[in-house]
Amino acid sequence: MREFLEAMHAAGNPGTVQLPCAKQRAFRRTPQITGWIVLAVDREDIEEPRRYEPGLLLSVDAAFHRLDSELRGWGQRDFPHYEHRVSPEPVDPQADHEQRILDALAQMHLTD
């Protein structure tokens, strides 16, 4: 992972996204975290069986954050619309996701 971060920082952090944190503050701007979506949210809302598995974001300061999405736009023209948010506190990726994370980082490094 260190090699990935060094290469991305040297290239100017291509492919990063800036997402709001899950905790909103009253009367203040919502903090945002900049990073790469390593594992996208896996969800199925329309068909049965419904499922939801949160994703994972790697911030530019080398911390993993949980990535969640919320289904929005019921009855609207742009339905379905997913609003993404990240956890403000870093998380420790589960051991069973370790290989998926390494594969995703290698794939992002090759494409950017």
PDB file of N, CA and C in Angstrom:
ATOM      1  N   MET A   1       0.818  -1.181   0.000  1.00  0.00           N
ATOM      2  CA  MET A   1       0.000   0.000   0.000  1.00  0.00           C
ATOM      3  C   MET A   1       0.874   1.262   0.000  1.00  0.00           C
ATOM      4  N   ARG A   2       1.992   1.209   0.669  1.00  0.00           N
ATOM      5  CA  ARG A   2       2.876   2.370   0.717  1.00  0.00           C
ATOM      6  C   ARG A   2       3.339   2.746  -0.688  1.00  0.00           C
ATOM      7  N   GLU A   3       3.640   1.731  -1.513  1.00  0.00           N
ATOM      8  CA  GLU A   3       4.081   2.005  -2.882  1.00  0.00           C
ATOM      9  C   GLU A   3       2.979   2.687  -3.681  1.00  0.00           C
ATOM     10  N   PHE A   4       1.747   2.237  -3.479  1.00  0.00           N
ATOM     11  CA  PHE A   4       0.604   2.844  -4.170  1.00  0.00           C
ATOM     12  C   PHE A   4       0.492   4.320  -3.796  1.00  0.00           C
ATOM     13  N   LEU A   5       0.536   4.621  -2.504  1.00  0.00           N
ATOM     14  CA  LEU A   5       0.402   6.007  -2.051  1.00  0.00           C
ATOM     15  C   LEU A   5       1.538   6.888  -2.556  1.00  0.00           C
ATOM     16  N   GLU A   6       2.762   6.370  -2.522  1.00  0.00           N
ATOM     17  CA  GLU A   6       3.892   7.149  -3.020  1.00  0.00           C
ATOM     18  C   GLU A   6       3.736   7.457  -4.502  1.00  0.00           C
ATOM     19  N   ALA A   7       3.335   6.461  -5.283  1.00  0.00           N
ATOM     20  CA  ALA A   7       3.157   6.667  -6.719  1.00  0.00           C
ATOM     21  C   ALA A   7       2.030   7.658  -7.001  1.00  0.00           C
ATOM     22  N   MET A   8       0.943   7.554  -6.260  1.00  0.00           N
ATOM     23  CA  MET A   8      -0.185   8.455  -6.486  1.00  0.00           C
ATOM     24  C   MET A   8       0.140   9.886  -6.049  1.00  0.00           C
ATOM     25  N   HIS A   9       0.822  10.040  -4.928  1.00  0.00           N
ATOM     26  CA  HIS A   9       1.217  11.385  -4.484  1.00  0.00           C
ATOM     27  C   HIS A   9       2.161  12.018  -5.501  1.00  0.00           C
ATOM     28  N   ALA A  10       3.095  11.231  -6.038  1.00  0.00           N
ATOM     29  CA  ALA A  10       4.041  11.747  -7.035  1.00  0.00           C
ATOM     30  C   ALA A  10       3.328  12.173  -8.319  1.00  0.00           C
ATOM     31  N   ALA A  11       2.228  11.485  -8.640  1.00  0.00           N
ATOM     32  CA  ALA A  11       1.477  11.806  -9.855  1.00  0.00           C
ATOM     33  C   ALA A  11       0.430  12.893  -9.626  1.00  0.00           C
ATOM     34  N   GLY A  12       0.299  13.401  -8.398  1.00  0.00           N
ATOM     35  CA  GLY A  12      -0.674  14.456  -8.129  1.00  0.00           C
ATOM     36  C   GLY A  12      -2.023  13.940  -7.668  1.00  0.00           C
ATOM     37  N   ASN A  13      -2.058  12.730  -7.135  1.00  0.00           N
ATOM     38  CA  ASN A  13      -3.279  12.100  -6.616  1.00  0.00           C
ATOM     39  C   ASN A  13      -4.405  11.993  -7.651  1.00  0.00           C
ATOM     40  N   PRO A  14      -4.149  11.367  -8.791  1.00  0.00           N
ATOM     41  CA  PRO A  14      -5.208  11.228  -9.791  1.00  0.00           C
ATOM     42  C   PRO A  14      -6.282  10.266  -9.315  1.00  0.00           C
ATOM     43  N   GLY A  15      -7.499  10.504  -9.736  1.00  0.00           N
ATOM     44  CA  GLY A  15      -8.608   9.603  -9.435  1.00  0.00           C
ATOM     45  C   GLY A  15      -9.208   9.748  -8.054  1.00  0.00           C
ATOM     46  N   THR A  16      -8.832  10.775  -7.320  1.00  0.00           N
ATOM     47  CA  THR A  16      -9.409  10.951  -5.987  1.00  0.00           C
ATOM     48  C   THR A  16     -10.804  11.542  -6.090  1.00  0.00           C
ATOM     49  N   VAL A  17     -11.597  11.271  -5.073  1.00  0.00           N
ATOM     50  CA  VAL A  17     -12.922  11.864  -4.937  1.00  0.00           C
ATOM     51  C   VAL A  17     -12.981  12.546  -3.574  1.00  0.00           C
ATOM     52  N   GLN A  18     -13.819  13.534  -3.457  1.00  0.00           N
ATOM     53  CA  GLN A  18     -14.003  14.229  -2.182  1.00  0.00           C
ATOM     54  C   GLN A  18     -15.433  13.975  -1.743  1.00  0.00           C
ATOM     55  N   LEU A  19     -15.587  13.281  -0.601  1.00  0.00           N
ATOM     56  CA  LEU A  19     -16.901  12.884  -0.116  1.00  0.00           C
ATOM     57  C   LEU A  19     -17.145  13.445   1.277  1.00  0.00           C
ATOM     58  N   PRO A  20     -18.422  13.770   1.574  1.00  0.00           N
ATOM     59  CA  PRO A  20     -18.740  14.292   2.900  1.00  0.00           C
ATOM     60  C   PRO A  20     -18.705  13.194   3.950  1.00  0.00           C
ATOM     61  N   CYS A  21     -18.421  13.589   5.185  1.00  0.00           N
ATOM     62  CA  CYS A  21     -18.439  12.649   6.310  1.00  0.00           C
ATOM     63  C   CYS A  21     -19.875  12.354   6.703  1.00  0.00           C
ATOM     64  N   ALA A  22     -20.062  11.221   7.346  1.00  0.00           N
ATOM     65  CA  ALA A  22     -21.397  10.799   7.749  1.00  0.00           C
ATOM     66  C   ALA A  22     -21.978  11.699   8.822  1.00  0.00           C
ATOM     67  N   LYS A  23     -21.145  12.206   9.721  1.00  0.00           N
ATOM     68  CA  LYS A  23     -21.634  13.093  10.776  1.00  0.00           C
ATOM     69  C   LYS A  23     -21.706  14.513  10.253  1.00  0.00           C
ATOM     70  N   GLN A  24     -22.896  15.065  10.294  1.00  0.00           N
ATOM     71  CA  GLN A  24     -23.058  16.452   9.881  1.00  0.00           C
ATOM     72  C   GLN A  24     -23.038  17.338  11.113  1.00  0.00           C
ATOM     73  N   ARG A  25     -22.552  18.519  10.953  1.00  0.00           N
ATOM     74  CA  ARG A  25     -22.498  19.469  12.058  1.00  0.00           C
ATOM     75  C   ARG A  25     -23.535  20.560  11.839  1.00  0.00           C
ATOM     76  N   ALA A  26     -24.243  20.881  12.896  1.00  0.00           N
ATOM     77  CA  ALA A  26     -25.247  21.936  12.799  1.00  0.00           C
ATOM     78  C   ALA A  26     -24.560  23.284  12.605  1.00  0.00           C
ATOM     79  N   PHE A  27     -25.045  24.028  11.659  1.00  0.00           N
ATOM     80  CA  PHE A  27     -24.592  25.392  11.380  1.00  0.00           C
ATOM     81  C   PHE A  27     -23.134  25.477  10.934  1.00  0.00           C
ATOM     82  N   ARG A  28     -22.554  24.386  10.534  1.00  0.00           N
ATOM     83  CA  ARG A  28     -21.184  24.397  10.013  1.00  0.00           C
ATOM     84  C   ARG A  28     -21.137  23.539   8.759  1.00  0.00           C
ATOM     85  N   ARG A  29     -20.071  23.724   8.017  1.00  0.00           N
ATOM     86  CA  ARG A  29     -19.880  22.883   6.834  1.00  0.00           C
ATOM     87  C   ARG A  29     -19.605  21.450   7.253  1.00  0.00           C
ATOM     88  N   THR A  30     -20.092  20.528   6.453  1.00  0.00           N
ATOM     89  CA  THR A  30     -19.825  19.123   6.696  1.00  0.00           C
ATOM     90  C   THR A  30     -18.385  18.825   6.299  1.00  0.00           C
ATOM     91  N   PRO A  31     -17.603  18.223   7.186  1.00  0.00           N
ATOM     92  CA  PRO A  31     -16.219  17.882   6.820  1.00  0.00           C
ATOM     93  C   PRO A  31     -16.204  16.907   5.644  1.00  0.00           C
ATOM     94  N   GLN A  32     -15.170  16.988   4.837  1.00  0.00           N
ATOM     95  CA  GLN A  32     -15.030  16.106   3.688  1.00  0.00           C
ATOM     96  C   GLN A  32     -13.690  15.394   3.751  1.00  0.00           C
ATOM     97  N   ILE A  33     -13.665  14.219   3.156  1.00  0.00           N
ATOM     98  CA  ILE A  33     -12.445  13.418   3.099  1.00  0.00           C
ATOM     99  C   ILE A  33     -12.132  13.143   1.636  1.00  0.00           C
ATOM    100  N   THR A  34     -10.883  13.328   1.272  1.00  0.00           N
ATOM    101  CA  THR A  34     -10.427  13.094  -0.096  1.00  0.00           C
ATOM    102  C   THR A  34      -9.672  11.776  -0.141  1.00  0.00           C
ATOM    103  N   GLY A  35      -9.989  10.952  -1.137  1.00  0.00           N
ATOM    104  CA  GLY A  35      -9.306   9.671  -1.268  1.00  0.00           C
ATOM    105  C   GLY A  35      -9.788   8.882  -2.468  1.00  0.00           C
ATOM    106  N   TRP A  36      -9.406   7.627  -2.493  1.00  0.00           N
ATOM    107  CA  TRP A  36      -9.741   6.715  -3.584  1.00  0.00           C
ATOM    108  C   TRP A  36     -10.749   5.687  -3.096  1.00  0.00           C
ATOM    109  N   ILE A  37     -11.777   5.429  -3.893  1.00  0.00           N
ATOM    110  CA  ILE A  37     -12.730   4.371  -3.564  1.00  0.00           C
ATOM    111  C   ILE A  37     -12.067   3.052  -3.940  1.00  0.00           C
ATOM    112  N   VAL A  38     -11.716   2.284  -2.917  1.00  0.00           N
ATOM    113  CA  VAL A  38     -11.029   1.009  -3.124  1.00  0.00           C
ATOM    114  C   VAL A  38     -12.050  -0.095  -3.369  1.00  0.00           C
ATOM    115  N   LEU A  39     -13.052  -0.169  -2.523  1.00  0.00           N
ATOM    116  CA  LEU A  39     -14.145  -1.124  -2.693  1.00  0.00           C
ATOM    117  C   LEU A  39     -15.442  -0.337  -2.738  1.00  0.00           C
ATOM    118  N   ALA A  40     -16.179  -0.469  -3.821  1.00  0.00           N
ATOM    119  CA  ALA A  40     -17.448   0.240  -3.961  1.00  0.00           C
ATOM    120  C   ALA A  40     -18.513  -0.421  -3.082  1.00  0.00           C
ATOM    121  N   VAL A  41     -19.538   0.350  -2.750  1.00  0.00           N
ATOM    122  CA  VAL A  41     -20.655  -0.184  -1.989  1.00  0.00           C
ATOM    123  C   VAL A  41     -21.358  -1.222  -2.867  1.00  0.00           C
ATOM    124  N   ASP A  42     -21.632  -2.391  -2.303  1.00  0.00           N
ATOM    125  CA  ASP A  42     -22.331  -3.459  -3.021  1.00  0.00           C
ATOM    126  C   ASP A  42     -23.742  -3.528  -2.470  1.00  0.00           C
ATOM    127  N   ARG A  43     -24.702  -3.126  -3.300  1.00  0.00           N
ATOM    128  CA  ARG A  43     -26.078  -3.111  -2.815  1.00  0.00           C
ATOM    129  C   ARG A  43     -27.050  -3.460  -3.933  1.00  0.00           C
ATOM    130  N   GLU A  44     -28.185  -3.995  -3.510  1.00  0.00           N
ATOM    131  CA  GLU A  44     -29.296  -4.260  -4.411  1.00  0.00           C
ATOM    132  C   GLU A  44     -30.554  -3.847  -3.667  1.00  0.00           C
ATOM    133  N   ASP A  45     -31.228  -2.797  -4.169  1.00  0.00           N
ATOM    134  CA  ASP A  45     -32.408  -2.254  -3.493  1.00  0.00           C
ATOM    135  C   ASP A  45     -33.706  -2.614  -4.188  1.00  0.00           C
ATOM    136  N   ILE A  46     -33.656  -2.876  -5.472  1.00  0.00           N
ATOM    137  CA  ILE A  46     -34.876  -3.059  -6.249  1.00  0.00           C
ATOM    138  C   ILE A  46     -35.282  -4.534  -6.305  1.00  0.00           C
ATOM    139  N   GLU A  47     -34.360  -5.392  -6.644  1.00  0.00           N
ATOM    140  CA  GLU A  47     -34.641  -6.829  -6.791  1.00  0.00           C
ATOM    141  C   GLU A  47     -34.458  -7.549  -5.461  1.00  0.00           C
ATOM    142  N   GLU A  48     -35.117  -8.670  -5.339  1.00  0.00           N
ATOM    143  CA  GLU A  48     -34.946  -9.532  -4.158  1.00  0.00           C
ATOM    144  C   GLU A  48     -33.868 -10.546  -4.472  1.00  0.00           C
ATOM    145  N   PRO A  49     -33.087 -11.049  -3.604  1.00  0.00           N
ATOM    146  CA  PRO A  49     -32.969 -10.633  -2.221  1.00  0.00           C
ATOM    147  C   PRO A  49     -32.180  -9.325  -2.132  1.00  0.00           C
ATOM    148  N   ARG A  50     -32.604  -8.479  -1.234  1.00  0.00           N
ATOM    149  CA  ARG A  50     -31.915  -7.205  -1.040  1.00  0.00           C
ATOM    150  C   ARG A  50     -30.638  -7.437  -0.252  1.00  0.00           C
ATOM    151  N   ARG A  51     -29.621  -6.646  -0.586  1.00  0.00           N
ATOM    152  CA  ARG A  51     -28.355  -6.793   0.117  1.00  0.00           C
ATOM    153  C   ARG A  51     -27.694  -5.423   0.236  1.00  0.00           C
ATOM    154  N   TYR A  52     -26.796  -5.332   1.215  1.00  0.00           N
ATOM    155  CA  TYR A  52     -26.030  -4.105   1.405  1.00  0.00           C
ATOM    156  C   TYR A  52     -24.710  -4.463   2.056  1.00  0.00           C
ATOM    157  N   GLU A  53     -23.616  -4.101   1.400  1.00  0.00           N
ATOM    158  CA  GLU A  53     -22.289  -4.253   1.972  1.00  0.00           C
ATOM    159  C   GLU A  53     -21.561  -2.930   1.768  1.00  0.00           C
ATOM    160  N   PRO A  54     -21.127  -2.290   2.864  1.00  0.00           N
ATOM    161  CA  PRO A  54     -20.454  -0.998   2.725  1.00  0.00           C
ATOM    162  C   PRO A  54     -19.147  -1.122   1.957  1.00  0.00           C
ATOM    163  N   GLY A  55     -18.713  -0.012   1.396  1.00  0.00           N
ATOM    164  CA  GLY A  55     -17.460   0.021   0.661  1.00  0.00           C
ATOM    165  C   GLY A  55     -16.317   0.515   1.532  1.00  0.00           C
ATOM    166  N   LEU A  56     -15.209   0.822   0.868  1.00  0.00           N
ATOM    167  CA  LEU A  56     -14.001   1.237   1.580  1.00  0.00           C
ATOM    168  C   LEU A  56     -13.312   2.342   0.784  1.00  0.00           C
ATOM    169  N   LEU A  57     -12.934   3.408   1.479  1.00  0.00           N
ATOM    170  CA  LEU A  57     -12.235   4.528   0.873  1.00  0.00           C
ATOM    171  C   LEU A  57     -10.865   4.642   1.525  1.00  0.00           C
ATOM    172  N   LEU A  58      -9.831   4.809   0.710  1.00  0.00           N
ATOM    173  CA  LEU A  58      -8.476   5.039   1.205  1.00  0.00           C
ATOM    174  C   LEU A  58      -8.200   6.526   1.060  1.00  0.00           C
ATOM    175  N   SER A  59      -8.035   7.218   2.192  1.00  0.00           N
ATOM    176  CA  SER A  59      -7.804   8.656   2.149  1.00  0.00           C
ATOM    177  C   SER A  59      -6.369   8.944   1.718  1.00  0.00           C
ATOM    178  N   VAL A  60      -6.131  10.167   1.273  1.00  0.00           N
ATOM    179  CA  VAL A  60      -4.789  10.545   0.816  1.00  0.00           C
ATOM    180  C   VAL A  60      -3.781  10.525   1.960  1.00  0.00           C
ATOM    181  N   ASP A  61      -4.258  10.517   3.202  1.00  0.00           N
ATOM    182  CA  ASP A  61      -3.340  10.427   4.346  1.00  0.00           C
ATOM    183  C   ASP A  61      -3.223   8.990   4.866  1.00  0.00           C
ATOM    184  N   ALA A  62      -3.520   8.010   4.016  1.00  0.00           N
ATOM    185  CA  ALA A  62      -3.280   6.582   4.257  1.00  0.00           C
ATOM    186  C   ALA A  62      -4.174   5.951   5.314  1.00  0.00           C
ATOM    187  N   ALA A  63      -5.386   6.442   5.492  1.00  0.00           N
ATOM    188  CA  ALA A  63      -6.323   5.834   6.431  1.00  0.00           C
ATOM    189  C   ALA A  63      -7.519   5.286   5.654  1.00  0.00           C
ATOM    190  N   PHE A  64      -8.005   4.123   6.064  1.00  0.00           N
ATOM    191  CA  PHE A  64      -9.204   3.549   5.459  1.00  0.00           C
ATOM    192  C   PHE A  64     -10.430   4.078   6.182  1.00  0.00           C
ATOM    193  N   HIS A  65     -11.486   4.366   5.414  1.00  0.00           N
ATOM    194  CA  HIS A  65     -12.755   4.837   5.965  1.00  0.00           C
ATOM    195  C   HIS A  65     -13.883   4.019   5.354  1.00  0.00           C
ATOM    196  N   ARG A  66     -14.905   3.764   6.161  1.00  0.00           N
ATOM    197  CA  ARG A  66     -16.079   3.039   5.678  1.00  0.00           C
ATOM    198  C   ARG A  66     -16.853   3.952   4.732  1.00  0.00           C
ATOM    199  N   LEU A  67     -17.267   3.396   3.594  1.00  0.00           N
ATOM    200  CA  LEU A  67     -18.023   4.130   2.584  1.00  0.00           C
ATOM    201  C   LEU A  67     -19.452   3.608   2.585  1.00  0.00           C
ATOM    202  N   ASP A  68     -20.413   4.487   2.819  1.00  0.00           N
ATOM    203  CA  ASP A  68     -21.828   4.119   2.822  1.00  0.00           C
ATOM    204  C   ASP A  68     -22.554   4.904   1.746  1.00  0.00           C
ATOM    205  N   SER A  69     -23.671   4.361   1.304  1.00  0.00           N
ATOM    206  CA  SER A  69     -24.498   5.089   0.348  1.00  0.00           C
ATOM    207  C   SER A  69     -25.956   4.989   0.792  1.00  0.00           C
ATOM    208  N   GLU A  70     -26.698   6.005   0.437  1.00  0.00           N
ATOM    209  CA  GLU A  70     -28.107   6.064   0.791  1.00  0.00           C
ATOM    210  C   GLU A  70     -28.907   6.263  -0.487  1.00  0.00           C
ATOM    211  N   LEU A  71     -29.946   5.457  -0.635  1.00  0.00           N
ATOM    212  CA  LEU A  71     -30.798   5.548  -1.815  1.00  0.00           C
ATOM    213  C   LEU A  71     -31.681   6.780  -1.696  1.00  0.00           C
ATOM    214  N   ARG A  72     -31.659   7.620  -2.698  1.00  0.00           N
ATOM    215  CA  ARG A  72     -32.458   8.845  -2.716  1.00  0.00           C
ATOM    216  C   ARG A  72     -33.241   8.934  -4.011  1.00  0.00           C
ATOM    217  N   GLY A  73     -34.227   9.797  -4.018  1.00  0.00           N
ATOM    218  CA  GLY A  73     -34.941  10.132  -5.238  1.00  0.00           C
ATOM    219  C   GLY A  73     -36.188   9.345  -5.521  1.00  0.00           C
ATOM    220  N   TRP A  74     -36.800   8.711  -4.514  1.00  0.00           N
ATOM    221  CA  TRP A  74     -38.050   7.984  -4.760  1.00  0.00           C
ATOM    222  C   TRP A  74     -39.061   8.926  -5.388  1.00  0.00           C
ATOM    223  N   GLY A  75     -39.663   8.522  -6.503  1.00  0.00           N
ATOM    224  CA  GLY A  75     -40.669   9.326  -7.178  1.00  0.00           C
ATOM    225  C   GLY A  75     -40.112  10.474  -8.000  1.00  0.00           C
ATOM    226  N   GLN A  76     -38.809  10.539  -8.124  1.00  0.00           N
ATOM    227  CA  GLN A  76     -38.182  11.618  -8.884  1.00  0.00           C
ATOM    228  C   GLN A  76     -37.691  11.094 -10.230  1.00  0.00           C
ATOM    229  N   ARG A  77     -37.440  12.008 -11.119  1.00  0.00           N
ATOM    230  CA  ARG A  77     -37.003  11.652 -12.462  1.00  0.00           C
ATOM    231  C   ARG A  77     -35.648  10.957 -12.454  1.00  0.00           C
ATOM    232  N   ASP A  78     -34.752  11.344 -11.548  1.00  0.00           N
ATOM    233  CA  ASP A  78     -33.398  10.772 -11.539  1.00  0.00           C
ATOM    234  C   ASP A  78     -33.264   9.562 -10.608  1.00  0.00           C
ATOM    235  N   PHE A  79     -34.386   8.925 -10.245  1.00  0.00           N
ATOM    236  CA  PHE A  79     -34.338   7.745  -9.379  1.00  0.00           C
ATOM    237  C   PHE A  79     -33.689   6.591 -10.130  1.00  0.00           C
ATOM    238  N   PRO A  80     -32.880   5.765  -9.552  1.00  0.00           N
ATOM    239  CA  PRO A  80     -32.336   5.871  -8.209  1.00  0.00           C
ATOM    240  C   PRO A  80     -31.083   6.744  -8.198  1.00  0.00           C
ATOM    241  N   HIS A  81     -30.930   7.491  -7.143  1.00  0.00           N
ATOM    242  CA  HIS A  81     -29.764   8.342  -6.939  1.00  0.00           C
ATOM    243  C   HIS A  81     -29.141   7.931  -5.604  1.00  0.00           C
ATOM    244  N   TYR A  82     -27.850   7.664  -5.612  1.00  0.00           N
ATOM    245  CA  TYR A  82     -27.163   7.223  -4.395  1.00  0.00           C
ATOM    246  C   TYR A  82     -26.279   8.342  -3.875  1.00  0.00           C
ATOM    247  N   GLU A  83     -26.459   8.678  -2.606  1.00  0.00           N
ATOM    248  CA  GLU A  83     -25.647   9.697  -1.958  1.00  0.00           C
ATOM    249  C   GLU A  83     -24.610   8.995  -1.093  1.00  0.00           C
ATOM    250  N   HIS A  84     -23.340   9.251  -1.359  1.00  0.00           N
ATOM    251  CA  HIS A  84     -22.256   8.585  -0.640  1.00  0.00           C
ATOM    252  C   HIS A  84     -21.747   9.445   0.505  1.00  0.00           C
ATOM    253  N   ARG A  85     -21.380   8.764   1.598  1.00  0.00           N
ATOM    254  CA  ARG A  85     -20.779   9.410   2.767  1.00  0.00           C
ATOM    255  C   ARG A  85     -19.725   8.477   3.334  1.00  0.00           C
ATOM    256  N   VAL A  86     -18.729   9.053   3.997  1.00  0.00           N
ATOM    257  CA  VAL A  86     -17.666   8.244   4.606  1.00  0.00           C
ATOM    258  C   VAL A  86     -17.661   8.448   6.118  1.00  0.00           C
ATOM    259  N   SER A  87     -17.150   7.448   6.809  1.00  0.00           N
ATOM    260  CA  SER A  87     -17.048   7.553   8.265  1.00  0.00           C
ATOM    261  C   SER A  87     -15.944   8.544   8.611  1.00  0.00           C
ATOM    262  N   PRO A  88     -16.170   9.398   9.594  1.00  0.00           N
ATOM    263  CA  PRO A  88     -15.131  10.362   9.946  1.00  0.00           C
ATOM    264  C   PRO A  88     -13.927   9.702  10.619  1.00  0.00           C
ATOM    265  N   GLU A  89     -14.151   8.604  11.326  1.00  0.00           N
ATOM    266  CA  GLU A  89     -13.065   7.900  11.998  1.00  0.00           C
ATOM    267  C   GLU A  89     -12.521   6.808  11.076  1.00  0.00           C
ATOM    268  N   PRO A  90     -11.211   6.617  11.074  1.00  0.00           N
ATOM    269  CA  PRO A  90     -10.634   5.523  10.284  1.00  0.00           C
ATOM    270  C   PRO A  90     -11.109   4.170  10.811  1.00  0.00           C
ATOM    271  N   VAL A  91     -11.161   3.192   9.910  1.00  0.00           N
ATOM    272  CA  VAL A  91     -11.535   1.833  10.275  1.00  0.00           C
ATOM    273  C   VAL A  91     -10.397   0.891   9.910  1.00  0.00           C
ATOM    274  N   ASP A  92     -10.393  -0.260  10.547  1.00  0.00           N
ATOM    275  CA  ASP A  92      -9.418  -1.289  10.238  1.00  0.00           C
ATOM    276  C   ASP A  92     -10.078  -2.264   9.263  1.00  0.00           C
ATOM    277  N   PRO A  93      -9.564  -2.384   8.044  1.00  0.00           N
ATOM    278  CA  PRO A  93     -10.193  -3.294   7.077  1.00  0.00           C
ATOM    279  C   PRO A  93     -10.166  -4.729   7.605  1.00  0.00           C
ATOM    280  N   GLN A  94     -11.222  -5.440   7.315  1.00  0.00           N
ATOM    281  CA  GLN A  94     -11.326  -6.829   7.760  1.00  0.00           C
ATOM    282  C   GLN A  94     -10.304  -7.687   7.034  1.00  0.00           C
ATOM    283  N   ALA A  95      -9.823  -8.698   7.724  1.00  0.00           N
ATOM    284  CA  ALA A  95      -8.795  -9.572   7.154  1.00  0.00           C
ATOM    285  C   ALA A  95      -9.285 -10.278   5.892  1.00  0.00           C
ATOM    286  N   ASP A  96     -10.577 -10.608   5.823  1.00  0.00           N
ATOM    287  CA  ASP A  96     -11.088 -11.292   4.636  1.00  0.00           C
ATOM    288  C   ASP A  96     -11.151 -10.377   3.414  1.00  0.00           C
ATOM    289  N   HIS A  97     -11.028  -9.077   3.605  1.00  0.00           N
ATOM    290  CA  HIS A  97     -11.014  -8.136   2.479  1.00  0.00           C
ATOM    291  C   HIS A  97      -9.601  -7.786   2.033  1.00  0.00           C
ATOM    292  N   GLU A  98      -8.594  -8.278   2.726  1.00  0.00           N
ATOM    293  CA  GLU A  98      -7.220  -7.854   2.459  1.00  0.00           C
ATOM    294  C   GLU A  98      -6.804  -8.113   1.010  1.00  0.00           C
ATOM    295  N   GLN A  99      -7.083  -9.292   0.486  1.00  0.00           N
ATOM    296  CA  GLN A  99      -6.691  -9.601  -0.885  1.00  0.00           C
ATOM    297  C   GLN A  99      -7.485  -8.764  -1.885  1.00  0.00           C
ATOM    298  N   ARG A 100      -8.763  -8.543  -1.625  1.00  0.00           N
ATOM    299  CA  ARG A 100      -9.576  -7.700  -2.510  1.00  0.00           C
ATOM    300  C   ARG A 100      -9.036  -6.273  -2.537  1.00  0.00           C
ATOM    301  N   ILE A 101      -8.583  -5.779  -1.378  1.00  0.00           N
ATOM    302  CA  ILE A 101      -8.039  -4.425  -1.293  1.00  0.00           C
ATOM    303  C   ILE A 101      -6.746  -4.330  -2.088  1.00  0.00           C
ATOM    304  N   LEU A 102      -5.860  -5.300  -1.907  1.00  0.00           N
ATOM    305  CA  LEU A 102      -4.595  -5.290  -2.641  1.00  0.00           C
ATOM    306  C   LEU A 102      -4.823  -5.382  -4.144  1.00  0.00           C
ATOM    307  N   ASP A 103      -5.760  -6.232  -4.566  1.00  0.00           N
ATOM    308  CA  ASP A 103      -6.083  -6.344  -5.991  1.00  0.00           C
ATOM    309  C   ASP A 103      -6.642  -5.029  -6.547  1.00  0.00           C
ATOM    310  N   ALA A 104      -7.518  -4.389  -5.775  1.00  0.00           N
ATOM    311  CA  ALA A 104      -8.109  -3.123  -6.224  1.00  0.00           C
ATOM    312  C   ALA A 104      -7.064  -2.023  -6.321  1.00  0.00           C
ATOM    313  N   LEU A 105      -6.154  -1.964  -5.336  1.00  0.00           N
ATOM    314  CA  LEU A 105      -5.092  -0.957  -5.391  1.00  0.00           C
ATOM    315  C   LEU A 105      -4.168  -1.188  -6.575  1.00  0.00           C
ATOM    316  N   ALA A 106      -3.842  -2.443  -6.845  1.00  0.00           N
ATOM    317  CA  ALA A 106      -2.986  -2.760  -7.994  1.00  0.00           C
ATOM    318  C   ALA A 106      -3.686  -2.367  -9.303  1.00  0.00           C
ATOM    319  N   GLN A 107      -4.965  -2.626  -9.402  1.00  0.00           N
ATOM    320  CA  GLN A 107      -5.720  -2.276 -10.605  1.00  0.00           C
ATOM    321  C   GLN A 107      -5.784  -0.757 -10.791  1.00  0.00           C
ATOM    322  N   MET A 108      -6.014  -0.020  -9.700  1.00  0.00           N
ATOM    323  CA  MET A 108      -6.070   1.448  -9.800  1.00  0.00           C
ATOM    324  C   MET A 108      -4.710   2.011 -10.188  1.00  0.00           C
ATOM    325  N   HIS A 109      -3.639   1.425  -9.657  1.00  0.00           N
ATOM    326  CA  HIS A 109      -2.294   1.900  -9.953  1.00  0.00           C
ATOM    327  C   HIS A 109      -1.965   1.678 -11.433  1.00  0.00           C
ATOM    328  N   LEU A 110      -2.442   0.573 -11.991  1.00  0.00           N
ATOM    329  CA  LEU A 110      -2.177   0.288 -13.409  1.00  0.00           C
ATOM    330  C   LEU A 110      -2.962   1.192 -14.337  1.00  0.00           C
ATOM    331  N   THR A 111      -4.174   1.593 -13.931  1.00  0.00           N
ATOM    332  CA  THR A 111      -5.006   2.380 -14.833  1.00  0.00           C
ATOM    333  C   THR A 111      -4.726   3.863 -14.734  1.00  0.00           C
ATOM    334  N   ASP A 112      -4.199   4.367 -13.614  1.00  0.00           N
ATOM    335  CA  ASP A 112      -3.975   5.808 -13.455  1.00  0.00           C
ATOM    336  C   ASP A 112      -2.619   6.236 -13.926  1.00  0.00           C
TER     337      ASP A 112
END
